[in-house]
Amino acid sequence: MNKLMEKPHLIFLLAIPIILLIGILSEDTVLDMNVHDTYYVMAYLHLAILISILFGIIGIGYWFMHKTDRKLSKWLNWIHVGLTFGGTLLVWILTKFYRTELMEYRFNNKLTLMITLIVVLMIVGQLIFPINIIYGLIKKKNTTGG
């Protein structure tokens, strides 16, 4: 696992085909969000393409830092990858607990709040990526002694 954290670009670049496959297989399924009186509707395929582009940019950024022999912070890598993929997995698991009975309205509201907080934490966690890149550019290059 430490080898994988030294090359986080592999995680992001290998996730792209999986995300695109999920988006293609979801066919006509849409994500609809109600914010006050406005509904936002997005097809899962379009969401998958958007996430794949984001992961491509992140993967290329990590790859560029690896190829230019710049040292990134391992704990920032861990936090960024953990929030990105761990948060996604946690949101997916929590959505499986939604209840359909009318009497469970309060439970679904608390579940929605938890999912929203996790998504906000994931979005804020994406700020760690540019911080880590700047840290790697400022820090001295790797030196291999032999």
N, C-alpha and C. Protein backbone atom coordinates (compact mmCIF):
# COMPACT_ATOMS: atom_id res chain seq x y z
N MET A 1 0.81 -1.19 0.00
CA MET A 1 0.00 0.00 0.00
C MET A 1 0.86 1.26 0.00
N ASN A 2 2.03 1.19 0.64
CA ASN A 2 2.92 2.36 0.64
C ASN A 2 3.42 2.65 -0.77
N LYS A 3 3.67 1.61 -1.57
CA LYS A 3 4.08 1.83 -2.96
C LYS A 3 3.00 2.56 -3.73
N LEU A 4 1.74 2.23 -3.43
CA LEU A 4 0.62 2.87 -4.11
C LEU A 4 0.51 4.34 -3.70
N MET A 5 0.84 4.64 -2.46
CA MET A 5 0.80 6.03 -2.01
C MET A 5 1.96 6.84 -2.57
N GLU A 6 3.03 6.17 -2.97
CA GLU A 6 4.13 6.88 -3.63
C GLU A 6 3.77 7.22 -5.07
N LYS A 7 2.81 6.49 -5.64
CA LYS A 7 2.35 6.73 -7.00
C LYS A 7 0.83 6.86 -7.01
N PRO A 8 0.28 7.94 -6.42
CA PRO A 8 -1.18 8.07 -6.35
C PRO A 8 -1.83 8.27 -7.72
N HIS A 9 -1.02 8.62 -8.73
CA HIS A 9 -1.59 8.80 -10.06
C HIS A 9 -2.17 7.49 -10.59
N LEU A 10 -1.61 6.36 -10.17
CA LEU A 10 -2.13 5.07 -10.61
C LEU A 10 -3.56 4.84 -10.12
N ILE A 11 -3.84 5.23 -8.90
CA ILE A 11 -5.18 5.05 -8.34
C ILE A 11 -6.19 5.86 -9.15
N PHE A 12 -5.88 7.11 -9.42
CA PHE A 12 -6.83 7.97 -10.13
C PHE A 12 -6.98 7.57 -11.59
N LEU A 13 -5.87 7.24 -12.25
CA LEU A 13 -5.96 6.88 -13.66
C LEU A 13 -6.63 5.53 -13.87
N LEU A 14 -6.45 4.60 -12.93
CA LEU A 14 -7.12 3.30 -13.06
C LEU A 14 -8.60 3.38 -12.69
N ALA A 15 -8.99 4.39 -11.95
CA ALA A 15 -10.40 4.55 -11.58
C ALA A 15 -11.24 5.09 -12.75
N ILE A 16 -10.60 5.75 -13.71
CA ILE A 16 -11.34 6.37 -14.82
C ILE A 16 -12.14 5.34 -15.62
N PRO A 17 -11.55 4.23 -16.10
CA PRO A 17 -12.36 3.28 -16.87
C PRO A 17 -13.51 2.67 -16.05
N ILE A 18 -13.28 2.46 -14.76
CA ILE A 18 -14.33 1.90 -13.90
C ILE A 18 -15.49 2.87 -13.79
N ILE A 19 -15.18 4.14 -13.58
CA ILE A 19 -16.22 5.16 -13.46
C ILE A 19 -16.99 5.31 -14.77
N LEU A 20 -16.28 5.31 -15.89
CA LEU A 20 -16.94 5.41 -17.18
C LEU A 20 -17.83 4.20 -17.45
N LEU A 21 -17.37 3.03 -17.07
CA LEU A 21 -18.17 1.81 -17.25
C LEU A 21 -19.45 1.87 -16.43
N ILE A 22 -19.35 2.33 -15.20
CA ILE A 22 -20.54 2.50 -14.35
C ILE A 22 -21.50 3.50 -14.99
N GLY A 23 -20.96 4.59 -15.52
CA GLY A 23 -21.80 5.61 -16.16
C GLY A 23 -22.49 5.09 -17.41
N ILE A 24 -21.78 4.29 -18.20
CA ILE A 24 -22.38 3.73 -19.42
C ILE A 24 -23.44 2.69 -19.07
N LEU A 25 -23.15 1.85 -18.08
CA LEU A 25 -24.10 0.80 -17.70
C LEU A 25 -25.33 1.33 -16.98
N SER A 26 -25.28 2.55 -16.46
CA SER A 26 -26.44 3.09 -15.76
C SER A 26 -27.52 3.57 -16.72
N GLU A 27 -27.25 3.55 -18.02
CA GLU A 27 -28.18 3.89 -19.09
C GLU A 27 -28.86 5.24 -18.86
N ASP A 28 -30.19 5.23 -18.67
CA ASP A 28 -30.94 6.49 -18.60
C ASP A 28 -31.17 6.99 -17.18
N THR A 29 -30.42 6.47 -16.22
CA THR A 29 -30.60 6.88 -14.83
C THR A 29 -30.09 8.32 -14.66
N VAL A 30 -30.83 9.09 -13.88
CA VAL A 30 -30.45 10.48 -13.67
C VAL A 30 -30.31 10.77 -12.19
N LEU A 31 -29.51 11.76 -11.89
CA LEU A 31 -29.36 12.28 -10.54
C LEU A 31 -30.14 13.58 -10.50
N ASP A 32 -31.16 13.63 -9.64
CA ASP A 32 -31.92 14.88 -9.54
C ASP A 32 -31.81 15.42 -8.13
N MET A 33 -31.52 16.71 -8.06
CA MET A 33 -31.34 17.39 -6.78
C MET A 33 -32.34 18.54 -6.70
N ASN A 34 -32.99 18.66 -5.56
CA ASN A 34 -33.93 19.73 -5.33
C ASN A 34 -33.28 20.73 -4.38
N VAL A 35 -33.05 21.93 -4.87
CA VAL A 35 -32.51 23.00 -4.04
C VAL A 35 -33.54 24.12 -4.04
N HIS A 36 -34.23 24.25 -2.92
CA HIS A 36 -35.35 25.18 -2.75
C HIS A 36 -36.41 24.88 -3.81
N ASP A 37 -36.64 25.76 -4.75
CA ASP A 37 -37.67 25.53 -5.78
C ASP A 37 -37.07 25.15 -7.12
N THR A 38 -35.82 24.80 -7.16
CA THR A 38 -35.16 24.47 -8.41
C THR A 38 -34.70 23.03 -8.40
N TYR A 39 -34.96 22.33 -9.51
CA TYR A 39 -34.50 20.96 -9.67
C TYR A 39 -33.32 20.94 -10.63
N TYR A 40 -32.26 20.28 -10.21
CA TYR A 40 -31.09 20.08 -11.07
C TYR A 40 -31.07 18.61 -11.45
N VAL A 41 -31.04 18.34 -12.75
CA VAL A 41 -31.08 16.97 -13.24
C VAL A 41 -29.83 16.73 -14.09
N MET A 42 -29.14 15.62 -13.80
CA MET A 42 -27.93 15.27 -14.55
C MET A 42 -27.90 13.76 -14.77
N ALA A 43 -27.64 13.35 -16.00
CA ALA A 43 -27.54 11.92 -16.30
C ALA A 43 -26.27 11.36 -15.66
N TYR A 44 -26.35 10.11 -15.21
CA TYR A 44 -25.19 9.47 -14.58
C TYR A 44 -24.01 9.40 -15.55
N LEU A 45 -24.29 9.24 -16.83
CA LEU A 45 -23.20 9.19 -17.81
C LEU A 45 -22.45 10.52 -17.84
N HIS A 46 -23.19 11.61 -17.82
CA HIS A 46 -22.54 12.93 -17.83
C HIS A 46 -21.76 13.17 -16.54
N LEU A 47 -22.32 12.71 -15.41
CA LEU A 47 -21.62 12.81 -14.14
C LEU A 47 -20.35 11.97 -14.15
N ALA A 48 -20.43 10.77 -14.74
CA ALA A 48 -19.25 9.90 -14.84
C ALA A 48 -18.17 10.54 -15.71
N ILE A 49 -18.57 11.17 -16.79
CA ILE A 49 -17.60 11.85 -17.67
C ILE A 49 -16.95 13.02 -16.92
N LEU A 50 -17.74 13.78 -16.19
CA LEU A 50 -17.21 14.91 -15.42
C LEU A 50 -16.21 14.44 -14.35
N ILE A 51 -16.56 13.38 -13.62
CA ILE A 51 -15.66 12.85 -12.60
C ILE A 51 -14.41 12.27 -13.25
N SER A 52 -14.55 11.63 -14.41
CA SER A 52 -13.38 11.07 -15.11
C SER A 52 -12.42 12.16 -15.56
N ILE A 53 -12.96 13.28 -16.02
CA ILE A 53 -12.11 14.40 -16.41
C ILE A 53 -11.37 14.94 -15.19
N LEU A 54 -12.08 15.09 -14.07
CA LEU A 54 -11.45 15.55 -12.82
C LEU A 54 -10.36 14.59 -12.38
N PHE A 55 -10.65 13.28 -12.39
CA PHE A 55 -9.65 12.29 -12.00
C PHE A 55 -8.48 12.27 -12.97
N GLY A 56 -8.73 12.53 -14.25
CA GLY A 56 -7.65 12.60 -15.23
C GLY A 56 -6.71 13.76 -14.93
N ILE A 57 -7.28 14.90 -14.60
CA ILE A 57 -6.45 16.07 -14.27
C ILE A 57 -5.63 15.79 -13.01
N ILE A 58 -6.27 15.21 -12.00
CA ILE A 58 -5.56 14.89 -10.76
C ILE A 58 -4.47 13.85 -11.02
N GLY A 59 -4.81 12.81 -11.78
CA GLY A 59 -3.83 11.75 -12.09
C GLY A 59 -2.64 12.29 -12.87
N ILE A 60 -2.89 13.15 -13.84
CA ILE A 60 -1.80 13.73 -14.62
C ILE A 60 -0.95 14.65 -13.74
N GLY A 61 -1.59 15.36 -12.82
CA GLY A 61 -0.83 16.21 -11.89
C GLY A 61 0.10 15.40 -11.01
N TYR A 62 -0.41 14.31 -10.44
CA TYR A 62 0.43 13.43 -9.63
C TYR A 62 1.52 12.77 -10.48
N TRP A 63 1.17 12.36 -11.70
CA TRP A 63 2.14 11.71 -12.59
C TRP A 63 3.26 12.69 -12.95
N PHE A 64 2.89 13.94 -13.25
CA PHE A 64 3.89 14.95 -13.60
C PHE A 64 4.86 15.17 -12.44
N MET A 65 4.33 15.23 -11.23
CA MET A 65 5.20 15.42 -10.07
C MET A 65 6.12 14.21 -9.88
N HIS A 66 5.61 13.02 -10.17
CA HIS A 66 6.44 11.81 -10.06
C HIS A 66 7.54 11.80 -11.13
N LYS A 67 7.20 12.18 -12.35
CA LYS A 67 8.17 12.16 -13.45
C LYS A 67 9.23 13.25 -13.32
N THR A 68 8.87 14.37 -12.72
CA THR A 68 9.84 15.44 -12.53
C THR A 68 10.63 15.26 -11.24
N ASP A 69 10.40 14.13 -10.58
CA ASP A 69 11.14 13.74 -9.38
C ASP A 69 10.95 14.73 -8.24
N ARG A 70 9.73 15.22 -8.09
CA ARG A 70 9.39 16.11 -6.98
C ARG A 70 8.80 15.28 -5.85
N LYS A 71 9.13 15.64 -4.64
CA LYS A 71 8.69 14.90 -3.46
C LYS A 71 7.38 15.49 -2.95
N LEU A 72 6.32 14.66 -2.91
CA LEU A 72 5.04 15.07 -2.35
C LEU A 72 4.92 14.56 -0.93
N SER A 73 4.08 15.19 -0.16
CA SER A 73 3.86 14.77 1.22
C SER A 73 3.02 13.49 1.23
N LYS A 74 3.52 12.45 1.90
CA LYS A 74 2.80 11.18 1.94
C LYS A 74 1.49 11.31 2.71
N TRP A 75 1.51 12.07 3.81
CA TRP A 75 0.27 12.17 4.58
C TRP A 75 -0.77 12.99 3.86
N LEU A 76 -0.37 13.98 3.04
CA LEU A 76 -1.33 14.71 2.22
C LEU A 76 -1.90 13.81 1.13
N ASN A 77 -1.02 12.92 0.57
CA ASN A 77 -1.51 11.93 -0.40
C ASN A 77 -2.56 11.03 0.24
N TRP A 78 -2.25 10.54 1.45
CA TRP A 78 -3.18 9.65 2.15
C TRP A 78 -4.52 10.34 2.40
N ILE A 79 -4.47 11.57 2.87
CA ILE A 79 -5.71 12.30 3.16
C ILE A 79 -6.51 12.52 1.89
N HIS A 80 -5.85 12.95 0.82
CA HIS A 80 -6.55 13.23 -0.43
C HIS A 80 -7.18 11.98 -1.02
N VAL A 81 -6.41 10.91 -1.12
CA VAL A 81 -6.93 9.66 -1.68
C VAL A 81 -8.01 9.08 -0.76
N GLY A 82 -7.78 9.15 0.55
CA GLY A 82 -8.75 8.63 1.50
C GLY A 82 -10.08 9.36 1.45
N LEU A 83 -10.02 10.70 1.40
CA LEU A 83 -11.26 11.47 1.33
C LEU A 83 -11.97 11.25 0.00
N THR A 84 -11.21 11.13 -1.08
CA THR A 84 -11.82 10.96 -2.39
C THR A 84 -12.51 9.61 -2.52
N PHE A 85 -11.77 8.54 -2.30
CA PHE A 85 -12.33 7.21 -2.53
C PHE A 85 -13.09 6.69 -1.30
N GLY A 86 -12.59 6.96 -0.10
CA GLY A 86 -13.30 6.54 1.10
C GLY A 86 -14.63 7.27 1.26
N GLY A 87 -14.63 8.55 0.95
CA GLY A 87 -15.87 9.31 1.01
C GLY A 87 -16.89 8.83 0.00
N THR A 88 -16.42 8.52 -1.20
CA THR A 88 -17.31 8.00 -2.24
C THR A 88 -17.92 6.68 -1.81
N LEU A 89 -17.10 5.80 -1.27
CA LEU A 89 -17.58 4.50 -0.81
C LEU A 89 -18.58 4.68 0.34
N LEU A 90 -18.29 5.58 1.26
CA LEU A 90 -19.18 5.81 2.40
C LEU A 90 -20.52 6.39 1.95
N VAL A 91 -20.50 7.32 1.00
CA VAL A 91 -21.75 7.88 0.48
C VAL A 91 -22.57 6.79 -0.21
N TRP A 92 -21.92 5.95 -0.99
CA TRP A 92 -22.63 4.87 -1.68
C TRP A 92 -23.28 3.92 -0.67
N ILE A 93 -22.55 3.58 0.39
CA ILE A 93 -23.10 2.69 1.41
C ILE A 93 -24.28 3.34 2.13
N LEU A 94 -24.15 4.62 2.48
CA LEU A 94 -25.22 5.31 3.20
C LEU A 94 -26.49 5.45 2.36
N THR A 95 -26.36 5.59 1.04
CA THR A 95 -27.56 5.70 0.20
C THR A 95 -28.36 4.41 0.21
N LYS A 96 -27.75 3.30 0.53
CA LYS A 96 -28.46 2.02 0.59
C LYS A 96 -29.36 1.91 1.82
N PHE A 97 -29.23 2.82 2.79
CA PHE A 97 -30.02 2.78 4.01
C PHE A 97 -31.29 3.63 3.95
N TYR A 98 -31.55 4.30 2.80
CA TYR A 98 -32.76 5.10 2.70
C TYR A 98 -33.99 4.22 2.92
N ARG A 99 -34.95 4.74 3.66
CA ARG A 99 -36.19 4.01 3.93
C ARG A 99 -37.32 4.63 3.11
N THR A 100 -38.21 3.79 2.64
CA THR A 100 -39.28 4.27 1.76
C THR A 100 -40.58 4.52 2.50
N GLU A 101 -40.72 4.07 3.74
CA GLU A 101 -41.97 4.28 4.47
C GLU A 101 -42.12 5.76 4.80
N LEU A 102 -43.34 6.21 4.82
CA LEU A 102 -43.63 7.60 5.10
C LEU A 102 -43.27 7.97 6.54
N MET A 103 -43.38 7.02 7.45
CA MET A 103 -43.12 7.28 8.86
C MET A 103 -41.63 7.49 9.16
N GLU A 104 -40.78 7.16 8.24
CA GLU A 104 -39.33 7.24 8.46
C GLU A 104 -38.74 8.54 7.90
N TYR A 105 -39.54 9.56 7.77
CA TYR A 105 -39.10 10.82 7.19
C TYR A 105 -37.94 11.43 7.97
N ARG A 106 -38.01 11.37 9.29
CA ARG A 106 -36.96 11.95 10.14
C ARG A 106 -35.63 11.22 9.93
N PHE A 107 -35.69 9.89 9.82
CA PHE A 107 -34.48 9.09 9.59
C PHE A 107 -33.82 9.48 8.26
N ASN A 108 -34.62 9.61 7.20
CA ASN A 108 -34.08 9.98 5.90
C ASN A 108 -33.48 11.38 5.91
N ASN A 109 -34.08 12.30 6.68
CA ASN A 109 -33.52 13.65 6.77
C ASN A 109 -32.13 13.62 7.41
N LYS A 110 -31.97 12.85 8.47
CA LYS A 110 -30.66 12.75 9.13
C LYS A 110 -29.65 12.06 8.22
N LEU A 111 -30.11 11.06 7.47
CA LEU A 111 -29.23 10.37 6.53
C LEU A 111 -28.79 11.31 5.41
N THR A 112 -29.73 12.11 4.93
CA THR A 112 -29.40 13.09 3.89
C THR A 112 -28.40 14.12 4.41
N LEU A 113 -28.56 14.53 5.66
CA LEU A 113 -27.62 15.47 6.26
C LEU A 113 -26.23 14.86 6.35
N MET A 114 -26.14 13.60 6.77
CA MET A 114 -24.85 12.92 6.87
C MET A 114 -24.19 12.82 5.49
N ILE A 115 -24.96 12.43 4.49
CA ILE A 115 -24.41 12.30 3.13
C ILE A 115 -23.95 13.66 2.63
N THR A 116 -24.72 14.70 2.87
CA THR A 116 -24.34 16.04 2.44
C THR A 116 -23.05 16.49 3.11
N LEU A 117 -22.91 16.24 4.41
CA LEU A 117 -21.69 16.62 5.11
C LEU A 117 -20.48 15.86 4.58
N ILE A 118 -20.65 14.58 4.27
CA ILE A 118 -19.54 13.80 3.71
C ILE A 118 -19.15 14.33 2.33
N VAL A 119 -20.14 14.66 1.50
CA VAL A 119 -19.84 15.20 0.17
C VAL A 119 -19.13 16.54 0.27
N VAL A 120 -19.57 17.40 1.19
CA VAL A 120 -18.89 18.69 1.39
C VAL A 120 -17.46 18.46 1.85
N LEU A 121 -17.25 17.51 2.77
CA LEU A 121 -15.90 17.18 3.23
C LEU A 121 -15.05 16.66 2.07
N MET A 122 -15.64 15.86 1.18
CA MET A 122 -14.90 15.37 0.01
C MET A 122 -14.52 16.52 -0.92
N ILE A 123 -15.42 17.45 -1.12
CA ILE A 123 -15.14 18.59 -2.01
C ILE A 123 -14.06 19.47 -1.39
N VAL A 124 -14.16 19.76 -0.11
CA VAL A 124 -13.13 20.55 0.57
C VAL A 124 -11.80 19.80 0.56
N GLY A 125 -11.87 18.47 0.67
CA GLY A 125 -10.66 17.64 0.64
C GLY A 125 -9.92 17.71 -0.68
N GLN A 126 -10.61 18.11 -1.74
CA GLN A 126 -9.95 18.23 -3.03
C GLN A 126 -8.98 19.41 -3.06
N LEU A 127 -9.12 20.31 -2.11
CA LEU A 127 -8.17 21.43 -2.00
C LEU A 127 -6.80 20.95 -1.54
N ILE A 128 -6.74 19.75 -0.98
CA ILE A 128 -5.46 19.18 -0.55
C ILE A 128 -4.56 18.91 -1.75
N PHE A 129 -5.17 18.55 -2.89
CA PHE A 129 -4.37 18.26 -4.09
C PHE A 129 -3.51 19.46 -4.52
N PRO A 130 -4.08 20.65 -4.76
CA PRO A 130 -3.20 21.77 -5.15
C PRO A 130 -2.22 22.16 -4.04
N ILE A 131 -2.62 22.00 -2.78
CA ILE A 131 -1.69 22.29 -1.68
C ILE A 131 -0.50 21.36 -1.74
N ASN A 132 -0.75 20.08 -2.00
CA ASN A 132 0.31 19.09 -2.09
C ASN A 132 1.21 19.36 -3.31
N ILE A 133 0.62 19.75 -4.41
CA ILE A 133 1.41 20.07 -5.62
C ILE A 133 2.31 21.28 -5.34
N ILE A 134 1.76 22.31 -4.73
CA ILE A 134 2.57 23.49 -4.40
C ILE A 134 3.68 23.12 -3.43
N TYR A 135 3.35 22.28 -2.43
CA TYR A 135 4.35 21.80 -1.48
C TYR A 135 5.47 21.06 -2.22
N GLY A 136 5.11 20.23 -3.19
CA GLY A 136 6.12 19.48 -3.96
C GLY A 136 6.97 20.37 -4.84
N LEU A 137 6.38 21.45 -5.36
CA LEU A 137 7.15 22.36 -6.21
C LEU A 137 8.10 23.20 -5.40
N ILE A 138 7.72 23.55 -4.18
CA ILE A 138 8.57 24.38 -3.33
C ILE A 138 9.71 23.57 -2.73
N LYS A 139 9.40 22.32 -2.34
CA LYS A 139 10.39 21.47 -1.71
C LYS A 139 11.48 21.08 -2.72
N LYS A 140 12.67 20.78 -2.21
CA LYS A 140 13.77 20.37 -3.08
C LYS A 140 13.45 19.07 -3.79
N LYS A 141 14.13 18.84 -4.90
CA LYS A 141 13.96 17.59 -5.65
C LYS A 141 14.47 16.40 -4.86
N ASN A 142 13.93 15.22 -5.20
CA ASN A 142 14.43 13.97 -4.60
C ASN A 142 15.89 13.77 -4.97
N THR A 143 16.65 13.31 -4.02
CA THR A 143 18.03 12.96 -4.33
C THR A 143 18.23 11.49 -3.98
N THR A 144 18.73 10.76 -4.94
CA THR A 144 18.98 9.33 -4.70
C THR A 144 20.46 9.15 -4.48
N GLY A 145 20.78 8.63 -3.31
CA GLY A 145 22.18 8.38 -3.00
C GLY A 145 22.53 6.95 -3.29
N GLY A 146 23.65 6.69 -3.87
CA GLY A 146 23.97 5.32 -4.19
C GLY A 146 25.37 5.10 -4.07
